[in-house]
C-alpha cells in the first residue's frame, strides 16, 4: 500500500463535539466519533493478532507436516470455515 494514513483529533467548529479525522492521500478523508474510532481500532487489533496466529498455523503445517504452502493456506481456509460453522 502506498501513501500515508494520517490520523488526528479535532473538535468540530459546528457542534463542538470531538472527532477523529482520517486522511489517506488527498482523495480519501473521513471523520469518526471517538467511540467509532475505538471500535475500528479494536477490530484492527483483533485482525492483526489473527493474522499472526494464521501465519503461525500455516508455517507449522508447512514445516512440521510438510504440506506445500499453497495447500496449507487452503487448509487454513477450510479450518476457518469449519470453526465459523461450529462456533456456538
N, C-alpha and C. Protein backbone atom coordinates (compact mmCIF):
# COMPACT_ATOMS: atom_id res chain seq x y z
N UNK A 1 0.84 -1.17 0.00
CA UNK A 1 0.00 0.00 0.00
C UNK A 1 0.89 1.24 0.00
N UNK A 2 0.66 2.07 -0.93
CA UNK A 2 1.42 3.31 -1.00
C UNK A 2 0.59 4.43 -0.40
N UNK A 3 1.27 5.45 0.07
CA UNK A 3 0.57 6.56 0.67
C UNK A 3 0.67 6.51 2.18
N UNK A 4 0.19 7.53 2.79
CA UNK A 4 0.26 7.63 4.24
C UNK A 4 -1.13 7.85 4.80
N UNK A 5 -1.42 7.16 5.86
CA UNK A 5 -2.67 7.36 6.59
C UNK A 5 -2.38 8.31 7.74
N UNK A 6 -2.97 9.48 7.68
CA UNK A 6 -2.82 10.47 8.74
C UNK A 6 -4.07 10.44 9.61
N UNK A 7 -3.88 10.52 10.91
CA UNK A 7 -4.99 10.48 11.87
C UNK A 7 -4.73 11.55 12.93
N UNK A 8 -5.73 12.36 13.22
CA UNK A 8 -5.60 13.34 14.27
C UNK A 8 -6.94 13.65 14.89
N UNK A 9 -6.89 14.25 16.07
CA UNK A 9 -8.12 14.61 16.78
C UNK A 9 -8.54 16.02 16.39
N UNK A 10 -9.86 16.21 16.34
CA UNK A 10 -10.39 17.55 16.06
C UNK A 10 -11.61 17.79 16.95
N UNK A 11 -11.96 19.04 17.06
CA UNK A 11 -13.21 19.45 17.69
C UNK A 11 -13.97 20.21 16.61
N UNK A 12 -15.20 19.81 16.37
CA UNK A 12 -16.00 20.41 15.31
C UNK A 12 -16.30 21.87 15.63
N UNK A 13 -16.09 22.72 14.64
CA UNK A 13 -16.45 24.13 14.78
C UNK A 13 -17.95 24.35 14.68
N UNK A 14 -18.68 23.32 14.24
CA UNK A 14 -20.13 23.43 14.08
C UNK A 14 -20.88 23.03 15.35
N UNK A 15 -20.44 21.92 15.98
CA UNK A 15 -21.19 21.44 17.14
C UNK A 15 -20.35 21.26 18.40
N UNK A 16 -19.04 21.54 18.33
CA UNK A 16 -18.17 21.46 19.50
C UNK A 16 -17.87 20.03 19.94
N UNK A 17 -18.24 19.05 19.15
CA UNK A 17 -18.04 17.65 19.52
C UNK A 17 -16.69 17.15 19.03
N UNK A 18 -16.16 16.13 19.73
CA UNK A 18 -14.87 15.57 19.32
C UNK A 18 -15.03 14.59 18.16
N UNK A 19 -14.03 14.59 17.28
CA UNK A 19 -13.99 13.64 16.16
C UNK A 19 -12.56 13.21 15.93
N UNK A 20 -12.42 12.09 15.27
CA UNK A 20 -11.11 11.62 14.82
C UNK A 20 -11.12 11.75 13.31
N UNK A 21 -10.18 12.51 12.81
CA UNK A 21 -10.09 12.80 11.37
C UNK A 21 -9.09 11.83 10.75
N UNK A 22 -9.47 11.25 9.62
CA UNK A 22 -8.60 10.34 8.87
C UNK A 22 -8.39 10.92 7.48
N UNK A 23 -7.16 10.79 6.98
CA UNK A 23 -6.88 11.22 5.62
C UNK A 23 -5.89 10.24 5.01
N UNK A 24 -6.28 9.69 3.86
CA UNK A 24 -5.37 8.85 3.08
C UNK A 24 -5.28 9.49 1.72
N UNK A 25 -4.11 9.98 1.39
CA UNK A 25 -3.91 10.76 0.18
C UNK A 25 -4.83 11.99 0.26
N UNK A 26 -4.99 12.67 -0.82
CA UNK A 26 -5.85 13.86 -0.80
C UNK A 26 -7.30 13.51 -1.11
N UNK A 27 -7.54 12.35 -1.66
CA UNK A 27 -8.88 11.98 -2.11
C UNK A 27 -9.74 11.33 -1.03
N UNK A 28 -9.14 10.74 -0.04
CA UNK A 28 -9.87 9.93 0.92
C UNK A 28 -9.77 10.55 2.31
N UNK A 29 -10.85 11.21 2.70
CA UNK A 29 -10.91 11.85 4.01
C UNK A 29 -12.23 11.48 4.67
N UNK A 30 -12.18 11.22 5.98
CA UNK A 30 -13.42 10.97 6.70
C UNK A 30 -13.20 11.20 8.19
N UNK A 31 -14.32 11.31 8.91
CA UNK A 31 -14.29 11.52 10.35
C UNK A 31 -15.11 10.44 11.03
N UNK A 32 -14.67 10.08 12.24
CA UNK A 32 -15.42 9.16 13.09
C UNK A 32 -15.55 9.78 14.47
N UNK A 33 -16.58 9.39 15.17
CA UNK A 33 -16.65 9.78 16.58
C UNK A 33 -15.57 9.00 17.33
N UNK A 34 -15.18 9.45 18.50
CA UNK A 34 -14.19 8.69 19.26
C UNK A 34 -14.63 7.24 19.53
N UNK A 35 -15.90 7.03 19.79
CA UNK A 35 -16.39 5.66 20.01
C UNK A 35 -16.23 4.82 18.75
N UNK A 36 -16.61 5.37 17.61
CA UNK A 36 -16.45 4.64 16.34
C UNK A 36 -14.98 4.35 16.05
N UNK A 37 -14.11 5.34 16.32
CA UNK A 37 -12.68 5.15 16.07
C UNK A 37 -12.13 4.04 16.96
N UNK A 38 -12.54 3.99 18.23
CA UNK A 38 -12.07 2.94 19.13
C UNK A 38 -12.59 1.57 18.68
N UNK A 39 -13.82 1.52 18.18
CA UNK A 39 -14.35 0.25 17.67
C UNK A 39 -13.52 -0.25 16.50
N UNK A 40 -13.15 0.64 15.59
CA UNK A 40 -12.31 0.26 14.45
C UNK A 40 -10.91 -0.15 14.92
N UNK A 41 -10.38 0.60 15.88
CA UNK A 41 -9.04 0.27 16.40
C UNK A 41 -9.04 -1.12 17.04
N UNK A 42 -10.09 -1.43 17.79
CA UNK A 42 -10.20 -2.75 18.41
C UNK A 42 -10.26 -3.83 17.34
N UNK A 43 -11.02 -3.60 16.30
CA UNK A 43 -11.12 -4.58 15.20
C UNK A 43 -9.76 -4.75 14.52
N UNK A 44 -9.04 -3.67 14.31
CA UNK A 44 -7.71 -3.75 13.71
C UNK A 44 -6.79 -4.60 14.59
N UNK A 45 -6.84 -4.39 15.90
CA UNK A 45 -6.03 -5.20 16.82
C UNK A 45 -6.42 -6.68 16.74
N UNK A 46 -7.71 -6.97 16.74
CA UNK A 46 -8.17 -8.36 16.64
C UNK A 46 -7.66 -9.01 15.36
N UNK A 47 -7.81 -8.33 14.25
CA UNK A 47 -7.43 -8.88 12.96
C UNK A 47 -5.91 -9.02 12.86
N UNK A 48 -5.16 -8.08 13.43
CA UNK A 48 -3.70 -8.18 13.36
C UNK A 48 -3.20 -9.38 14.17
N UNK A 49 -3.80 -9.63 15.34
CA UNK A 49 -3.44 -10.82 16.11
C UNK A 49 -3.84 -12.09 15.37
N UNK A 50 -5.00 -12.07 14.73
CA UNK A 50 -5.44 -13.23 13.97
C UNK A 50 -4.50 -13.51 12.80
N UNK A 51 -4.01 -12.46 12.15
CA UNK A 51 -3.08 -12.64 11.03
C UNK A 51 -1.82 -13.35 11.50
N UNK A 52 -1.31 -12.96 12.66
CA UNK A 52 -0.12 -13.62 13.20
C UNK A 52 -0.40 -15.07 13.56
N UNK A 53 -1.56 -15.32 14.16
CA UNK A 53 -1.92 -16.70 14.52
C UNK A 53 -2.10 -17.55 13.26
N UNK A 54 -2.72 -16.99 12.24
CA UNK A 54 -2.91 -17.72 10.98
C UNK A 54 -1.56 -18.07 10.35
N UNK A 55 -0.63 -17.11 10.37
CA UNK A 55 0.69 -17.37 9.80
C UNK A 55 1.41 -18.45 10.59
N UNK A 56 1.26 -18.43 11.91
CA UNK A 56 1.85 -19.48 12.74
C UNK A 56 1.28 -20.84 12.37
N UNK A 57 -0.04 -20.92 12.21
CA UNK A 57 -0.72 -22.16 11.83
C UNK A 57 -0.20 -22.67 10.49
N UNK A 58 -0.15 -21.79 9.50
CA UNK A 58 0.30 -22.18 8.16
C UNK A 58 1.75 -22.63 8.19
N UNK A 59 2.60 -21.86 8.85
CA UNK A 59 4.02 -22.23 8.92
C UNK A 59 4.23 -23.54 9.66
N UNK A 60 3.45 -23.78 10.69
CA UNK A 60 3.53 -25.05 11.41
C UNK A 60 3.19 -26.21 10.48
N UNK A 61 2.11 -26.06 9.73
CA UNK A 61 1.68 -27.11 8.79
C UNK A 61 2.76 -27.36 7.73
N UNK A 62 3.37 -26.30 7.23
CA UNK A 62 4.41 -26.44 6.20
C UNK A 62 5.66 -27.10 6.79
N UNK A 63 6.11 -26.60 7.94
CA UNK A 63 7.38 -27.07 8.49
C UNK A 63 7.28 -28.43 9.18
N UNK A 64 6.22 -28.68 9.91
CA UNK A 64 6.12 -29.92 10.70
C UNK A 64 5.45 -31.06 9.94
N UNK A 65 4.50 -30.74 9.07
CA UNK A 65 3.78 -31.80 8.35
C UNK A 65 4.30 -31.93 6.92
N UNK A 66 4.89 -30.86 6.41
CA UNK A 66 5.47 -30.91 5.08
C UNK A 66 4.51 -30.60 3.95
N UNK A 67 3.36 -30.03 4.28
CA UNK A 67 2.41 -29.65 3.24
C UNK A 67 2.96 -28.44 2.49
N UNK A 68 2.67 -28.36 1.20
CA UNK A 68 3.09 -27.20 0.41
C UNK A 68 2.35 -25.96 0.91
N UNK A 69 2.98 -24.81 0.75
CA UNK A 69 2.43 -23.55 1.25
C UNK A 69 1.02 -23.31 0.73
N UNK A 70 0.82 -23.49 -0.57
CA UNK A 70 -0.49 -23.24 -1.17
C UNK A 70 -1.56 -24.13 -0.53
N UNK A 71 -1.22 -25.40 -0.30
CA UNK A 71 -2.18 -26.32 0.32
C UNK A 71 -2.40 -25.99 1.79
N UNK A 72 -1.36 -25.52 2.47
CA UNK A 72 -1.51 -25.12 3.87
C UNK A 72 -2.43 -23.92 4.00
N UNK A 73 -2.31 -22.98 3.07
CA UNK A 73 -3.20 -21.81 3.07
C UNK A 73 -4.64 -22.27 2.81
N UNK A 74 -4.81 -23.22 1.91
CA UNK A 74 -6.14 -23.79 1.66
C UNK A 74 -6.69 -24.48 2.89
N UNK A 75 -5.83 -25.18 3.62
CA UNK A 75 -6.24 -25.83 4.87
C UNK A 75 -6.69 -24.80 5.89
N UNK A 76 -5.99 -23.68 5.94
CA UNK A 76 -6.39 -22.59 6.84
C UNK A 76 -7.79 -22.10 6.49
N UNK A 77 -8.08 -21.95 5.21
CA UNK A 77 -9.42 -21.53 4.79
C UNK A 77 -10.47 -22.55 5.21
N UNK A 78 -10.15 -23.84 5.05
CA UNK A 78 -11.06 -24.90 5.50
C UNK A 78 -11.27 -24.83 7.00
N UNK A 79 -10.20 -24.61 7.74
CA UNK A 79 -10.27 -24.52 9.20
C UNK A 79 -11.16 -23.35 9.62
N UNK A 80 -10.97 -22.19 8.99
CA UNK A 80 -11.80 -21.02 9.31
C UNK A 80 -13.28 -21.32 9.06
N UNK A 81 -13.57 -21.95 7.93
CA UNK A 81 -14.95 -22.29 7.60
C UNK A 81 -15.53 -23.25 8.64
N UNK A 82 -14.77 -24.26 9.00
CA UNK A 82 -15.22 -25.25 10.00
C UNK A 82 -15.44 -24.57 11.34
N UNK A 83 -14.51 -23.69 11.74
CA UNK A 83 -14.63 -23.00 13.02
C UNK A 83 -15.87 -22.12 13.04
N UNK A 84 -16.12 -21.37 11.97
CA UNK A 84 -17.30 -20.50 11.91
C UNK A 84 -18.58 -21.30 11.98
N UNK A 85 -18.60 -22.45 11.34
CA UNK A 85 -19.79 -23.29 11.34
C UNK A 85 -20.04 -23.92 12.70
N UNK A 86 -18.98 -24.16 13.47
CA UNK A 86 -19.11 -24.87 14.73
C UNK A 86 -19.06 -23.97 15.96
N UNK A 87 -18.97 -22.67 15.78
CA UNK A 87 -18.99 -21.76 16.94
C UNK A 87 -20.39 -21.75 17.52
N UNK A 88 -20.43 -21.63 18.80
CA UNK A 88 -21.75 -21.65 19.47
C UNK A 88 -22.11 -20.27 19.95
